[in-house]
């Protein structure tokens, strides 16, 4: 619940799950305190894909840390999509995540398509 509340403060549009009333006075105060966004666009992972060890086992801590950027949106139950953004110097592909407010699935997919068309 706290994670979802943090995202609700960042997104310009209210969550359709929100039970909190947003009065116009609260909106004005919110808008003056910090900038809100429609979507978050960030790296999907902290680096390119790690190489598999010869035995096929991967360090579990390394795997967890590699995926850490995707966890907050998942915990909040927010719609998110990973988009290919190019390749790293090592030749492995890189991706970025686009995260939207709860209930903005269709808008998220339209923005993701627009980003994909540009990239």
N, C-alpha and C. Protein backbone atom coordinates (compact mmCIF):
# COMPACT_ATOMS: atom_id res chain seq x y z
N UNK A 1 0.81 -1.19 0.00
CA UNK A 1 0.00 0.00 0.00
C UNK A 1 0.86 1.26 0.00
N UNK A 2 1.95 1.27 0.77
CA UNK A 2 2.82 2.44 0.81
C UNK A 2 3.50 2.69 -0.52
N UNK A 3 3.89 1.61 -1.19
CA UNK A 3 4.54 1.76 -2.49
C UNK A 3 3.55 2.35 -3.50
N UNK A 4 2.32 1.85 -3.49
CA UNK A 4 1.30 2.38 -4.39
C UNK A 4 1.04 3.86 -4.09
N UNK A 5 1.01 4.23 -2.80
CA UNK A 5 0.82 5.63 -2.42
C UNK A 5 1.94 6.51 -2.96
N UNK A 6 3.18 6.01 -2.90
CA UNK A 6 4.30 6.78 -3.45
C UNK A 6 4.12 7.02 -4.95
N UNK A 7 3.73 5.99 -5.67
CA UNK A 7 3.49 6.16 -7.10
C UNK A 7 2.32 7.11 -7.35
N UNK A 8 1.27 7.01 -6.54
CA UNK A 8 0.11 7.91 -6.70
C UNK A 8 0.52 9.37 -6.56
N UNK A 9 1.50 9.66 -5.70
CA UNK A 9 1.95 11.04 -5.54
C UNK A 9 2.73 11.51 -6.76
N UNK A 10 3.35 10.60 -7.48
CA UNK A 10 4.18 10.96 -8.63
C UNK A 10 3.34 11.12 -9.90
N UNK A 11 2.35 10.27 -10.08
CA UNK A 11 1.57 10.31 -11.31
C UNK A 11 0.56 11.45 -11.30
N UNK A 12 0.41 12.10 -12.44
CA UNK A 12 -0.51 13.22 -12.58
C UNK A 12 -1.97 12.78 -12.47
N UNK A 13 -2.28 11.61 -13.01
CA UNK A 13 -3.66 11.13 -12.96
C UNK A 13 -3.85 10.24 -11.74
N UNK A 14 -5.03 10.29 -11.15
CA UNK A 14 -5.29 9.45 -9.97
C UNK A 14 -5.44 7.98 -10.36
N UNK A 15 -5.13 7.12 -9.44
CA UNK A 15 -5.34 5.69 -9.64
C UNK A 15 -6.83 5.41 -9.57
N UNK A 16 -7.29 4.52 -10.43
CA UNK A 16 -8.69 4.14 -10.37
C UNK A 16 -8.98 3.31 -9.13
N UNK A 17 -7.93 2.85 -8.45
CA UNK A 17 -8.09 2.08 -7.22
C UNK A 17 -8.12 2.97 -5.98
N UNK A 18 -7.74 4.23 -6.15
CA UNK A 18 -7.60 5.12 -5.01
C UNK A 18 -8.93 5.36 -4.32
N UNK A 19 -8.91 5.21 -3.02
CA UNK A 19 -10.11 5.49 -2.22
C UNK A 19 -10.03 6.88 -1.61
N UNK A 20 -8.89 7.56 -1.81
CA UNK A 20 -8.70 8.89 -1.26
C UNK A 20 -9.31 9.92 -2.20
N UNK A 21 -10.07 10.84 -1.64
CA UNK A 21 -10.64 11.92 -2.43
C UNK A 21 -9.56 12.96 -2.70
N UNK A 22 -9.54 13.47 -3.91
CA UNK A 22 -8.61 14.53 -4.26
C UNK A 22 -9.40 15.81 -4.46
N UNK A 23 -9.34 16.69 -3.50
CA UNK A 23 -10.04 17.97 -3.64
C UNK A 23 -9.21 18.90 -4.50
N UNK A 24 -9.83 19.93 -5.03
CA UNK A 24 -9.10 20.86 -5.88
C UNK A 24 -8.02 21.59 -5.08
N UNK A 25 -8.26 21.87 -3.77
CA UNK A 25 -7.24 22.50 -2.94
C UNK A 25 -6.04 21.57 -2.77
N UNK A 26 -6.31 20.29 -2.55
CA UNK A 26 -5.22 19.32 -2.44
C UNK A 26 -4.44 19.23 -3.74
N UNK A 27 -5.12 19.28 -4.87
CA UNK A 27 -4.46 19.22 -6.18
C UNK A 27 -3.54 20.42 -6.38
N UNK A 28 -4.01 21.60 -6.00
CA UNK A 28 -3.19 22.80 -6.16
C UNK A 28 -1.95 22.72 -5.27
N UNK A 29 -2.13 22.24 -4.04
CA UNK A 29 -1.00 22.09 -3.13
C UNK A 29 -0.02 21.06 -3.66
N UNK A 30 -0.53 19.96 -4.19
CA UNK A 30 0.31 18.91 -4.77
C UNK A 30 1.11 19.44 -5.94
N UNK A 31 0.43 20.18 -6.81
CA UNK A 31 1.08 20.68 -8.01
C UNK A 31 2.19 21.67 -7.67
N UNK A 32 2.01 22.44 -6.62
CA UNK A 32 3.03 23.42 -6.27
C UNK A 32 4.21 22.79 -5.53
N UNK A 33 4.02 21.61 -4.95
CA UNK A 33 5.10 21.00 -4.17
C UNK A 33 6.11 20.25 -5.03
N UNK A 34 5.69 19.63 -6.11
CA UNK A 34 6.61 18.95 -7.02
C UNK A 34 5.92 18.64 -8.34
N UNK A 35 6.72 18.27 -9.31
CA UNK A 35 6.21 17.97 -10.64
C UNK A 35 5.67 16.54 -10.68
N UNK A 36 4.55 16.36 -11.36
CA UNK A 36 4.00 15.02 -11.56
C UNK A 36 4.23 14.61 -13.01
N UNK A 37 4.07 13.33 -13.27
CA UNK A 37 4.32 12.79 -14.61
C UNK A 37 3.17 11.89 -15.04
N UNK A 38 3.07 11.66 -16.33
CA UNK A 38 2.09 10.71 -16.85
C UNK A 38 2.65 9.29 -16.87
N UNK A 39 3.95 9.17 -17.15
CA UNK A 39 4.62 7.87 -17.21
C UNK A 39 6.03 8.00 -16.66
N UNK A 40 6.58 6.89 -16.21
CA UNK A 40 7.98 6.81 -15.83
C UNK A 40 8.70 5.97 -16.88
N UNK A 41 9.85 6.42 -17.31
CA UNK A 41 10.64 5.73 -18.32
C UNK A 41 12.04 5.57 -17.74
N UNK A 42 12.45 4.33 -17.50
CA UNK A 42 13.74 4.09 -16.86
C UNK A 42 14.36 2.79 -17.38
N UNK A 43 15.62 2.61 -17.07
CA UNK A 43 16.32 1.38 -17.48
C UNK A 43 15.62 0.16 -16.89
N UNK A 44 15.56 -0.91 -17.67
CA UNK A 44 14.95 -2.16 -17.18
C UNK A 44 15.88 -2.95 -16.27
N UNK A 45 17.17 -2.77 -16.45
CA UNK A 45 18.17 -3.50 -15.67
C UNK A 45 19.36 -2.59 -15.43
N UNK A 46 20.20 -2.97 -14.48
CA UNK A 46 21.33 -2.11 -14.14
C UNK A 46 22.52 -2.27 -15.09
N UNK A 47 22.50 -3.32 -15.90
CA UNK A 47 23.55 -3.53 -16.91
C UNK A 47 23.02 -4.52 -17.95
N UNK A 48 23.82 -4.83 -18.93
CA UNK A 48 23.37 -5.80 -19.93
C UNK A 48 23.32 -7.19 -19.30
N UNK A 49 22.79 -8.14 -20.02
CA UNK A 49 22.59 -9.50 -19.48
C UNK A 49 23.91 -10.12 -19.05
N UNK A 50 23.92 -10.74 -17.86
CA UNK A 50 25.16 -11.41 -17.42
C UNK A 50 25.39 -12.70 -18.18
N UNK A 51 26.63 -13.08 -18.31
CA UNK A 51 26.97 -14.34 -18.96
C UNK A 51 26.63 -15.49 -18.02
N UNK A 52 26.16 -16.57 -18.59
CA UNK A 52 25.89 -17.78 -17.80
C UNK A 52 27.21 -18.47 -17.51
N UNK A 53 27.32 -18.98 -16.31
CA UNK A 53 28.53 -19.72 -15.95
C UNK A 53 28.53 -21.04 -16.70
N UNK A 54 29.69 -21.66 -16.79
CA UNK A 54 29.81 -22.92 -17.54
C UNK A 54 28.83 -23.98 -17.06
N UNK A 55 28.60 -24.04 -15.76
CA UNK A 55 27.70 -25.06 -15.22
C UNK A 55 26.23 -24.69 -15.44
N UNK A 56 25.97 -23.49 -15.95
CA UNK A 56 24.60 -23.08 -16.18
C UNK A 56 23.96 -22.41 -14.98
N UNK A 57 24.69 -22.32 -13.88
CA UNK A 57 24.15 -21.67 -12.68
C UNK A 57 24.49 -20.18 -12.70
N UNK A 58 23.58 -19.38 -12.19
CA UNK A 58 23.80 -17.95 -12.11
C UNK A 58 23.71 -17.56 -10.64
N UNK A 59 24.59 -16.68 -10.20
CA UNK A 59 24.56 -16.19 -8.83
C UNK A 59 23.20 -15.56 -8.55
N UNK A 60 22.48 -16.08 -7.55
CA UNK A 60 21.12 -15.62 -7.29
C UNK A 60 21.08 -14.16 -6.86
N UNK A 61 22.07 -13.69 -6.10
CA UNK A 61 22.10 -12.28 -5.69
C UNK A 61 22.30 -11.40 -6.91
N UNK A 62 23.19 -11.79 -7.81
CA UNK A 62 23.42 -11.03 -9.03
C UNK A 62 22.15 -10.95 -9.88
N UNK A 63 21.43 -12.06 -9.97
CA UNK A 63 20.17 -12.08 -10.73
C UNK A 63 19.14 -11.16 -10.10
N UNK A 64 19.06 -11.18 -8.77
CA UNK A 64 18.11 -10.33 -8.06
C UNK A 64 18.43 -8.86 -8.29
N UNK A 65 19.70 -8.49 -8.13
CA UNK A 65 20.12 -7.10 -8.30
C UNK A 65 19.87 -6.65 -9.74
N UNK A 66 20.08 -7.54 -10.69
CA UNK A 66 19.87 -7.20 -12.10
C UNK A 66 18.42 -6.81 -12.36
N UNK A 67 17.48 -7.41 -11.66
CA UNK A 67 16.06 -7.14 -11.88
C UNK A 67 15.46 -6.13 -10.90
N UNK A 68 16.27 -5.53 -10.06
CA UNK A 68 15.76 -4.68 -8.99
C UNK A 68 14.93 -3.49 -9.50
N UNK A 69 15.21 -3.00 -10.68
CA UNK A 69 14.49 -1.84 -11.19
C UNK A 69 13.05 -2.16 -11.60
N UNK A 70 12.74 -3.44 -11.79
CA UNK A 70 11.38 -3.82 -12.18
C UNK A 70 10.48 -4.10 -10.98
N UNK A 71 11.07 -4.21 -9.80
CA UNK A 71 10.32 -4.64 -8.62
C UNK A 71 9.28 -3.62 -8.13
N UNK A 72 9.61 -2.32 -8.01
CA UNK A 72 8.61 -1.39 -7.45
C UNK A 72 7.29 -1.36 -8.23
N UNK A 73 7.34 -1.31 -9.54
CA UNK A 73 6.10 -1.29 -10.33
C UNK A 73 5.31 -2.58 -10.12
N UNK A 74 6.01 -3.70 -10.04
CA UNK A 74 5.33 -4.98 -9.82
C UNK A 74 4.66 -5.02 -8.45
N UNK A 75 5.36 -4.54 -7.43
CA UNK A 75 4.79 -4.53 -6.08
C UNK A 75 3.56 -3.63 -5.99
N UNK A 76 3.57 -2.54 -6.76
CA UNK A 76 2.43 -1.61 -6.75
C UNK A 76 1.32 -2.08 -7.68
N UNK A 77 1.57 -3.11 -8.48
CA UNK A 77 0.56 -3.62 -9.40
C UNK A 77 0.31 -2.70 -10.57
N UNK A 78 1.34 -1.96 -10.98
CA UNK A 78 1.19 -0.99 -12.06
C UNK A 78 1.47 -1.61 -13.42
N UNK A 79 0.82 -1.11 -14.46
CA UNK A 79 1.13 -1.60 -15.81
C UNK A 79 2.52 -1.12 -16.23
N UNK A 80 3.31 -2.02 -16.77
CA UNK A 80 4.66 -1.69 -17.21
C UNK A 80 5.01 -2.56 -18.40
N UNK A 81 5.89 -2.03 -19.24
CA UNK A 81 6.34 -2.77 -20.41
C UNK A 81 7.81 -2.46 -20.62
N UNK A 82 8.56 -3.45 -21.04
CA UNK A 82 9.98 -3.27 -21.34
C UNK A 82 10.14 -3.15 -22.85
N UNK A 83 10.91 -2.15 -23.25
CA UNK A 83 11.12 -1.89 -24.67
C UNK A 83 12.60 -2.02 -25.02
N UNK A 84 12.92 -2.61 -26.17
CA UNK A 84 14.33 -2.65 -26.58
C UNK A 84 14.78 -1.24 -26.95
N UNK A 85 15.99 -0.87 -26.46
CA UNK A 85 16.46 0.49 -26.72
C UNK A 85 17.80 0.55 -27.43
N UNK A 86 18.38 -0.58 -27.73
CA UNK A 86 19.68 -0.59 -28.40
C UNK A 86 20.56 -1.68 -27.84
N UNK A 87 21.86 -1.50 -28.03
CA UNK A 87 22.83 -2.50 -27.57
C UNK A 87 23.94 -1.83 -26.76
N UNK A 88 24.45 -2.57 -25.80
CA UNK A 88 25.56 -2.11 -24.96
C UNK A 88 26.87 -2.31 -25.73
N UNK A 89 27.95 -1.79 -25.19
CA UNK A 89 29.27 -1.96 -25.83
C UNK A 89 29.66 -3.42 -25.97
N UNK A 90 29.11 -4.29 -25.10
CA UNK A 90 29.44 -5.71 -25.17
C UNK A 90 28.58 -6.47 -26.19
N UNK A 91 27.69 -5.76 -26.88
CA UNK A 91 26.86 -6.38 -27.90
C UNK A 91 25.51 -6.88 -27.42
N UNK A 92 25.33 -6.95 -26.10
CA UNK A 92 24.06 -7.43 -25.55
C UNK A 92 23.00 -6.34 -25.64
N UNK A 93 21.74 -6.74 -25.81
CA UNK A 93 20.67 -5.75 -25.91
C UNK A 93 20.38 -5.06 -24.57
N UNK A 94 19.92 -3.83 -24.67
CA UNK A 94 19.50 -3.05 -23.51
C UNK A 94 18.02 -2.74 -23.64
N UNK A 95 17.37 -2.54 -22.51
CA UNK A 95 15.95 -2.22 -22.54
C UNK A 95 15.61 -1.15 -21.54
N UNK A 96 14.47 -0.52 -21.74
CA UNK A 96 13.95 0.48 -20.82
C UNK A 96 12.51 0.11 -20.49
N UNK A 97 12.09 0.44 -19.29
CA UNK A 97 10.73 0.15 -18.84
C UNK A 97 9.90 1.42 -18.87
N UNK A 98 8.68 1.27 -19.31
CA UNK A 98 7.71 2.34 -19.28
C UNK A 98 6.64 1.92 -18.28
N UNK A 99 6.41 2.75 -17.27
CA UNK A 99 5.47 2.43 -16.19
C UNK A 99 4.38 3.49 -16.17
N UNK A 100 3.13 3.04 -16.05
CA UNK A 100 1.99 3.96 -16.00
C UNK A 100 1.17 3.80 -14.74
N UNK A 101 0.24 4.70 -14.58
CA UNK A 101 -0.67 4.66 -13.43
C UNK A 101 -1.61 3.47 -13.56
N UNK A 102 -2.10 2.98 -12.44
CA UNK A 102 -3.03 1.86 -12.44
C UNK A 102 -4.27 2.26 -13.23
N UNK A 103 -4.65 1.44 -14.19
CA UNK A 103 -5.82 1.72 -15.03
C UNK A 103 -5.48 2.39 -16.34
N UNK A 104 -4.20 2.71 -16.57
CA UNK A 104 -3.80 3.40 -17.79
C UNK A 104 -3.15 2.45 -18.79
N UNK A 105 -3.60 1.20 -18.80
CA UNK A 105 -2.98 0.17 -19.64
C UNK A 105 -2.99 0.52 -21.13
N UNK A 106 -4.15 0.95 -21.63
CA UNK A 106 -4.26 1.25 -23.07
C UNK A 106 -3.38 2.43 -23.45
N UNK A 107 -3.37 3.46 -22.62
CA UNK A 107 -2.54 4.63 -22.89
C UNK A 107 -1.06 4.23 -22.85
N UNK A 108 -0.69 3.38 -21.90
CA UNK A 108 0.69 2.90 -21.78
C UNK A 108 1.12 2.18 -23.06
N UNK A 109 0.26 1.34 -23.59
CA UNK A 109 0.60 0.60 -24.82
C UNK A 109 0.72 1.53 -26.02
N UNK A 110 -0.11 2.56 -26.08
CA UNK A 110 0.00 3.53 -27.18
C UNK A 110 1.31 4.32 -27.09
N UNK A 111 1.69 4.73 -25.90
CA UNK A 111 2.96 5.45 -25.72
C UNK A 111 4.12 4.52 -26.01
N UNK A 112 4.06 3.27 -25.56
CA UNK A 112 5.11 2.30 -25.83
C UNK A 112 5.30 2.10 -27.34
N UNK A 113 4.21 2.03 -28.06
CA UNK A 113 4.27 1.88 -29.53
C UNK A 113 4.93 3.09 -30.16
N UNK A 114 4.59 4.29 -29.68
CA UNK A 114 5.19 5.52 -30.22
C UNK A 114 6.70 5.54 -29.96
N UNK A 115 7.11 5.12 -28.76
CA UNK A 115 8.53 5.07 -28.44
C UNK A 115 9.23 4.04 -29.32
N UNK A 116 8.61 2.89 -29.47
CA UNK A 116 9.18 1.83 -30.31
C UNK A 116 9.35 2.30 -31.76
N UNK A 117 8.38 3.05 -32.25
CA UNK A 117 8.46 3.57 -33.62
C UNK A 117 9.62 4.53 -33.78
N UNK A 118 9.91 5.33 -32.75
CA UNK A 118 11.00 6.29 -32.81
C UNK A 118 12.35 5.59 -32.70
N UNK A 119 12.42 4.58 -31.85
CA UNK A 119 13.69 3.87 -31.64
C UNK A 119 13.95 2.88 -32.75
